[in-house]
Amino acid sequence: MKLVESILTRNPCYTAGRKITVKGLMLHSVGCPQPKASAFINSWNSPAHGTSCVHGFIDGNDGTVYQTLPWNHRGWHCGSGNKGSGNNTHIGVEMCEPACIRYTAGSNFTCSNLTEAKAVAERTYKAAVGLFAMLCKKYSLDPLADGVVISHREGHSRGIASSHGDPEHLWAQLGMGYTMDGFRRAVKAAVGGAASPAPAETEAWYRVRKSWADASSQKGAFKSLENAKECADENPGHSVFNESGKAVYTKAVAFQPYLVRVTIPDLNIREAPGTDKPKTGKVTGVGVFTIIEEADGKGASRWGLLKSCREKRNGWISLDHASRI
């Protein structure tokens, strides 16, 4: 099991900051054909996502566990029933589902590639066993005790969760032979050897951050560079860093023209960026101008190319004397 911390710090559930005394663990599956945990993490890490939040996702492609809330944080993962809510007592973890299934009605689905779907289900099941064993050890929980390790479906039957059938519906329709009783026994067997995984920062994975020093901005950690690039592309301002902290990928962003206001009447227009470059003999005058390119130059931090000089590319002004609109 690989565990990566990717806390949803912008989700309203996290910012609410409520804590729980952990009494159990609830297993979910996402209920849609999406094997990538990053798809949920990127979508849910927003102030606008105020309806749900879980403690972790298990990626269907490689079995990586992404911790998305502190374990003792009250999540929004199971709703409630006639006896209250498991959110007050249980950690909630979602297993991602195969891309090759299509839901038809309720929890029923069709599957276009059974071999692929079974591989995803087996991968997430095994990772969930390892994670639940680690959490049972951490919180001194007996996975075979009544109500400690349950599914969302079982939570509903107990009156502490909304009406869902996961994850048993997935296992049954794929013919996996998995049951929650079997899952609990597997967790119990693993508890004896369960240990906290090595911190993600020591893993030789690619990390997606705004900067290497800004660990709080991390969107995920990936064994695959391609998966890391995809995550960076989905998060503007983020780059991919290797285990040494070197940026190995930054998405190229096309320059977007913008307007500036000049308030002095005699701002020189030069043939190239820099006060050491020849003047064109013209000045801007007071007004609003469009900048279509930027460059560094001697004598000023940044210079801008005027739109009216696009063809000859010889109309640069110092942006130190212009304010962006």
Protein backbone atom coordinates (compact mmCIF):
# COMPACT_ATOMS: atom_id res chain seq x y z
CA MET A 1 0.00 0.00 0.00
CA LYS A 2 1.23 3.46 -0.95
CA LEU A 3 -0.20 6.34 1.07
CA VAL A 4 -0.01 9.92 -0.21
CA GLU A 5 -1.28 12.89 1.76
CA SER A 6 -3.42 15.16 -0.42
CA ILE A 7 -5.62 17.05 2.04
CA LEU A 8 -8.65 18.88 0.62
CA THR A 9 -7.80 22.11 2.43
CA ARG A 10 -10.28 24.21 0.40
CA ASN A 11 -13.27 21.91 0.88
CA PRO A 12 -15.83 23.36 3.35
CA CYS A 13 -15.75 20.12 5.34
CA TYR A 14 -12.06 20.60 6.07
CA THR A 15 -12.41 24.29 6.87
CA ALA A 16 -15.29 23.49 9.28
CA GLY A 17 -12.64 21.76 11.38
CA ARG A 18 -14.88 19.39 13.36
CA LYS A 19 -13.19 16.38 14.98
CA ILE A 20 -14.47 12.92 15.92
CA THR A 21 -13.49 10.09 18.21
CA VAL A 22 -12.86 7.33 15.67
CA LYS A 23 -14.99 4.28 16.46
CA GLY A 24 -15.09 2.63 13.05
CA LEU A 25 -14.27 2.63 9.36
CA MET A 26 -16.74 2.78 6.46
CA LEU A 27 -15.90 1.49 2.98
CA HIS A 28 -17.43 3.13 -0.09
CA SER A 29 -17.03 3.01 -3.86
CA VAL A 30 -17.49 6.14 -5.94
CA GLY A 31 -20.54 5.06 -7.94
CA CYS A 32 -19.28 6.24 -11.33
CA PRO A 33 -16.84 4.95 -13.99
CA GLN A 34 -13.75 6.86 -12.87
CA PRO A 35 -10.57 5.01 -11.83
CA LYS A 36 -8.46 8.13 -11.21
CA ALA A 37 -8.45 9.45 -7.65
CA SER A 38 -7.02 12.74 -8.92
CA ALA A 39 -10.27 13.47 -10.76
CA PHE A 40 -12.14 13.59 -7.46
CA ILE A 41 -9.38 15.31 -5.52
CA ASN A 42 -9.12 18.12 -8.07
CA SER A 43 -12.88 18.60 -8.20
CA TRP A 44 -13.56 18.38 -4.48
CA ASN A 45 -10.73 20.66 -3.35
CA SER A 46 -12.87 23.75 -3.79
CA PRO A 47 -14.97 26.05 -1.58
CA ALA A 48 -17.83 25.35 -3.99
CA HIS A 49 -17.86 21.62 -3.19
CA GLY A 50 -19.88 21.85 -0.01
CA THR A 51 -21.84 18.60 -0.09
CA SER A 52 -19.30 15.81 0.40
CA CYS A 53 -15.82 15.03 1.63
CA VAL A 54 -14.13 11.76 2.53
CA HIS A 55 -10.96 10.78 4.36
CA GLY A 56 -9.41 9.02 1.42
CA PHE A 57 -9.62 7.76 -2.16
CA ILE A 58 -8.08 4.58 -3.52
CA ASP A 59 -6.88 4.96 -7.09
CA GLY A 60 -8.11 2.26 -9.46
CA ASN A 61 -5.12 2.42 -11.78
CA ASP A 62 -2.34 1.73 -9.28
CA GLY A 63 -3.97 1.22 -5.86
CA THR A 64 -2.44 4.34 -4.35
CA VAL A 65 -4.29 5.61 -1.27
CA TYR A 66 -4.75 9.39 -1.13
CA GLN A 67 -5.54 10.74 2.32
CA THR A 68 -7.83 13.73 1.79
CA LEU A 69 -8.83 14.57 5.38
CA PRO A 70 -7.04 14.15 8.71
CA TRP A 71 -8.20 10.78 10.02
CA ASN A 72 -9.88 12.26 13.12
CA HIS A 73 -11.63 14.98 11.11
CA ARG A 74 -15.43 14.69 10.75
CA GLY A 75 -16.12 13.83 7.13
CA TRP A 76 -19.21 14.14 4.95
CA HIS A 77 -19.17 10.66 3.44
CA CYS A 78 -22.32 8.75 4.40
CA GLY A 79 -25.20 11.10 5.07
CA SER A 80 -27.47 9.92 7.86
CA GLY A 81 -30.28 7.51 8.75
CA ASN A 82 -32.95 7.12 11.41
CA LYS A 83 -30.33 6.48 14.11
CA GLY A 84 -28.00 9.33 13.29
CA SER A 85 -24.91 9.65 11.12
CA GLY A 86 -21.79 7.55 10.73
CA ASN A 87 -19.99 10.80 9.92
CA ASN A 88 -19.80 11.31 13.69
CA THR A 89 -18.00 8.04 14.36
CA HIS A 90 -16.50 6.52 11.22
CA ILE A 91 -13.66 7.29 8.83
CA GLY A 92 -14.92 7.11 5.23
CA VAL A 93 -12.85 5.84 2.30
CA GLU A 94 -13.87 5.69 -1.37
CA MET A 95 -12.59 3.08 -3.82
CA CYS A 96 -12.47 4.32 -7.42
CA GLU A 97 -14.32 2.27 -10.05
CA PRO A 98 -13.39 0.93 -13.52
CA ALA A 99 -13.66 3.19 -16.56
CA CYS A 100 -15.25 0.39 -18.59
CA ILE A 101 -18.54 0.22 -16.67
CA ARG A 102 -21.65 2.23 -17.48
CA TYR A 103 -24.46 2.73 -14.99
CA THR A 104 -27.92 2.08 -16.39
CA ALA A 105 -30.35 2.44 -13.49
CA GLY A 106 -29.63 2.81 -9.79
CA SER A 107 -26.67 0.61 -8.88
CA ASN A 108 -26.94 -1.54 -12.01
CA PHE A 109 -24.33 -1.24 -14.73
CA THR A 110 -22.98 -2.83 -17.88
CA CYS A 111 -19.31 -3.67 -18.39
CA SER A 112 -17.42 -3.56 -21.71
CA ASN A 113 -14.19 -5.14 -20.42
CA LEU A 114 -14.67 -7.58 -17.56
CA THR A 115 -10.97 -8.42 -17.26
CA GLU A 116 -10.02 -4.77 -16.87
CA ALA A 117 -12.87 -4.11 -14.44
CA LYS A 118 -11.95 -7.07 -12.24
CA ALA A 119 -8.33 -5.93 -12.14
CA VAL A 120 -9.40 -2.49 -10.87
CA ALA A 121 -11.74 -4.00 -8.28
CA GLU A 122 -9.06 -6.39 -7.03
CA ARG A 123 -6.49 -3.60 -6.86
CA THR A 124 -8.69 -1.29 -4.80
CA TYR A 125 -9.87 -4.16 -2.56
CA LYS A 126 -6.33 -5.14 -1.64
CA ALA A 127 -5.32 -1.53 -0.99
CA ALA A 128 -8.42 -1.05 1.19
CA VAL A 129 -7.47 -4.11 3.26
CA GLY A 130 -4.02 -2.66 3.89
CA LEU A 131 -5.37 0.80 4.72
CA PHE A 132 -8.08 -0.48 7.07
CA ALA A 133 -5.54 -2.72 8.83
CA MET A 134 -3.28 0.28 9.37
CA LEU A 135 -6.17 2.39 10.71
CA CYS A 136 -7.42 -0.40 12.99
CA LYS A 137 -3.95 -0.61 14.47
CA LYS A 138 -3.69 3.18 14.78
CA TYR A 139 -7.00 3.51 16.64
CA SER A 140 -6.95 0.13 18.47
CA LEU A 141 -10.01 -1.13 16.62
CA ASP A 142 -11.05 -4.77 16.25
CA PRO A 143 -12.19 -5.18 12.62
CA LEU A 144 -14.37 -8.16 13.60
CA ALA A 145 -16.21 -6.29 16.35
CA ASP A 146 -19.80 -5.32 15.63
CA GLY A 147 -20.14 -2.12 13.60
CA VAL A 148 -16.43 -1.31 13.42
CA VAL A 149 -15.65 -2.09 9.76
CA ILE A 150 -18.76 -1.62 7.61
CA SER A 151 -19.76 -0.70 4.09
CA HIS A 152 -22.00 2.20 3.12
CA ARG A 153 -24.75 -0.35 2.44
CA GLU A 154 -24.36 -1.80 5.93
CA GLY A 155 -24.31 1.71 7.39
CA HIS A 156 -27.72 2.29 5.83
CA SER A 157 -29.03 -0.99 7.26
CA ARG A 158 -27.84 0.16 10.69
CA GLY A 159 -29.63 3.50 10.32
CA ILE A 160 -26.49 5.67 10.23
CA ALA A 161 -26.10 6.27 6.48
CA SER A 162 -28.08 7.21 3.39
CA SER A 163 -29.53 4.58 1.07
CA HIS A 164 -26.61 3.27 -0.98
CA GLY A 165 -25.54 -0.21 -2.06
CA ASP A 166 -21.80 0.27 -2.30
CA PRO A 167 -19.38 -1.31 -2.54
CA GLU A 168 -21.06 -4.72 -2.55
CA HIS A 169 -23.00 -3.86 -5.72
CA LEU A 170 -19.72 -3.53 -7.63
CA TRP A 171 -18.22 -6.75 -6.34
CA ALA A 172 -21.40 -8.76 -6.95
CA GLN A 173 -22.01 -7.63 -10.53
CA LEU A 174 -18.37 -8.19 -11.49
CA GLY A 175 -18.45 -11.66 -9.95
CA MET A 176 -15.52 -10.93 -7.65
CA GLY A 177 -16.70 -13.17 -4.81
CA TYR A 178 -15.88 -10.44 -2.29
CA THR A 179 -18.12 -9.84 0.73
CA MET A 180 -17.84 -7.51 3.69
CA ASP A 181 -17.45 -10.51 6.02
CA GLY A 182 -14.52 -11.65 3.91
CA PHE A 183 -13.13 -8.13 3.87
CA ARG A 184 -13.28 -7.90 7.66
CA ARG A 185 -11.47 -11.22 7.99
CA ALA A 186 -8.78 -10.03 5.55
CA VAL A 187 -8.31 -6.84 7.55
CA LYS A 188 -8.09 -8.85 10.78
CA ALA A 189 -5.42 -11.07 9.26
CA ALA A 190 -3.46 -8.03 8.09
CA VAL A 191 -3.61 -6.17 11.39
CA GLY A 192 -0.81 -8.23 12.90
CA GLY A 193 1.62 -7.14 10.20
CA ALA A 194 0.15 -3.73 9.47
CA ALA A 195 2.51 -0.82 9.87
CA SER A 196 2.32 2.82 8.98
CA PRO A 197 3.63 3.31 5.44
CA ALA A 198 6.72 5.37 4.85
CA PRO A 199 5.96 9.11 4.59
CA ALA A 200 5.16 10.12 1.03
CA GLU A 201 8.00 12.66 1.04
CA THR A 202 10.54 9.82 1.14
CA GLU A 203 9.04 8.06 -1.86
CA ALA A 204 10.69 8.45 -5.25
CA TRP A 205 7.47 9.76 -6.80
CA TYR A 206 6.67 12.79 -8.93
CA ARG A 207 4.88 15.49 -6.96
CA VAL A 208 2.59 18.20 -8.33
CA ARG A 209 3.06 21.51 -6.51
CA LYS A 210 3.22 25.25 -7.10
CA SER A 211 6.83 25.13 -5.94
CA TRP A 212 8.97 22.46 -4.31
CA ALA A 213 9.06 24.45 -1.06
CA ASP A 214 5.25 24.85 -0.99
CA ALA A 215 4.28 21.35 0.20
CA SER A 216 0.82 22.58 1.23
CA SER A 217 -0.04 23.20 -2.44
CA GLN A 218 0.60 19.57 -3.42
CA LYS A 219 -2.15 18.08 -5.57
CA GLY A 220 -0.79 14.55 -5.55
CA ALA A 221 2.18 12.23 -5.92
CA PHE A 222 2.54 9.84 -8.83
CA LYS A 223 4.83 7.00 -9.85
CA SER A 224 4.05 7.81 -13.48
CA LEU A 225 5.41 11.05 -14.95
CA GLU A 226 2.57 11.07 -17.47
CA ASN A 227 -0.05 10.93 -14.70
CA ALA A 228 1.78 13.71 -12.87
CA LYS A 229 1.82 15.86 -16.02
CA GLU A 230 -1.91 15.32 -16.45
CA CYS A 231 -2.51 16.46 -12.89
CA ALA A 232 -0.33 19.55 -13.41
CA ASP A 233 -2.24 20.40 -16.59
CA GLU A 234 -5.49 20.28 -14.60
CA ASN A 235 -4.11 22.65 -11.93
CA PRO A 236 -2.90 26.00 -13.30
CA GLY A 237 0.25 27.29 -11.66
CA HIS A 238 1.46 23.82 -10.66
CA SER A 239 4.54 21.99 -11.91
CA VAL A 240 5.87 18.45 -11.62
CA PHE A 241 8.88 17.94 -9.32
CA ASN A 242 11.02 14.83 -8.97
CA GLU A 243 12.17 13.42 -5.63
CA SER A 244 15.17 15.78 -5.63
CA GLY A 245 12.93 18.84 -5.87
CA LYS A 246 13.79 19.63 -9.49
CA ALA A 247 10.97 20.86 -11.72
CA VAL A 248 10.67 18.39 -14.59
CA TYR A 249 7.48 19.70 -16.20
CA THR A 250 5.61 22.99 -16.37
CA LYS A 251 2.67 23.46 -18.68
CA ALA A 252 3.35 26.05 -21.35
CA VAL A 253 0.73 28.79 -21.22
CA ALA A 254 0.09 30.95 -24.28
CA PHE A 255 0.61 34.65 -23.68
CA GLN A 256 -2.66 36.55 -23.35
CA PRO A 257 -2.63 40.19 -24.57
CA TYR A 258 -3.73 42.75 -21.99
CA LEU A 259 -4.37 46.47 -21.62
CA VAL A 260 -2.20 49.02 -19.84
CA ARG A 261 -2.77 52.65 -18.99
CA VAL A 262 -0.01 55.23 -19.51
CA THR A 263 -0.40 58.50 -17.61
CA ILE A 264 2.78 60.30 -18.69
CA PRO A 265 2.88 62.11 -22.06
CA ASP A 266 6.45 61.31 -23.03
CA LEU A 267 6.98 57.56 -22.48
CA ASN A 268 9.59 56.56 -25.06
CA ILE A 269 8.92 53.77 -27.52
CA ARG A 270 12.08 51.78 -28.24
CA GLU A 271 13.13 49.38 -31.00
CA ALA A 272 13.82 46.56 -28.51
CA PRO A 273 13.28 45.96 -24.78
CA GLY A 274 15.73 47.94 -22.61
CA THR A 275 16.83 51.49 -21.90
CA ASP A 276 20.04 50.73 -23.82
CA LYS A 277 18.08 50.10 -27.04
CA PRO A 278 17.50 52.82 -29.70
CA LYS A 279 14.44 55.03 -29.45
CA THR A 280 12.02 55.02 -32.36
CA GLY A 281 11.58 58.77 -32.03
CA LYS A 282 7.99 58.36 -30.92
CA VAL A 283 6.29 58.50 -27.53
CA THR A 284 3.03 56.93 -26.41
CA GLY A 285 1.26 59.95 -25.04
CA VAL A 286 -1.41 59.48 -22.36
CA GLY A 287 -3.84 56.65 -23.09
CA VAL A 288 -4.67 52.95 -23.05
CA PHE A 289 -2.54 50.49 -25.04
CA THR A 290 -2.52 46.75 -25.77
CA ILE A 291 0.53 44.69 -24.83
CA ILE A 292 1.00 41.59 -27.01
CA GLU A 293 4.34 40.33 -25.68
CA GLU A 294 6.61 40.79 -22.66
CA ALA A 295 10.38 40.61 -22.30
CA ASP A 296 13.14 41.42 -19.82
CA GLY A 297 15.42 44.30 -20.61
CA LYS A 298 18.17 46.42 -19.12
CA GLY A 299 16.92 49.31 -17.05
CA ALA A 300 13.46 47.92 -16.30
CA SER A 301 12.07 44.70 -14.85
CA ARG A 302 9.71 44.10 -17.76
CA TRP A 303 9.02 45.56 -21.19
CA GLY A 304 5.93 45.27 -23.35
CA LEU A 305 5.48 45.18 -27.13
CA LEU A 306 2.69 47.45 -28.37
CA LYS A 307 0.01 45.90 -30.55
CA SER A 308 0.28 48.69 -33.12
CA CYS A 309 3.91 47.68 -33.72
CA ARG A 310 3.20 43.97 -34.27
CA GLU A 311 4.54 43.80 -37.85
CA LYS A 312 7.87 45.56 -37.35
CA ARG A 313 8.17 44.42 -33.72
CA ASN A 314 9.97 47.65 -32.87
CA GLY A 315 7.60 49.29 -30.44
CA TRP A 316 8.57 48.44 -26.84
CA ILE A 317 7.68 50.42 -23.73
CA SER A 318 8.83 50.10 -20.14
CA LEU A 319 6.07 48.50 -18.06
CA ASP A 320 7.47 50.31 -15.03
CA HIS A 321 5.65 53.38 -16.31
CA ALA A 322 2.37 51.65 -17.22
CA SER A 323 -0.34 50.16 -15.03
CA ARG A 324 -2.20 47.04 -16.05
CA ILE A 325 -5.97 47.43 -16.41
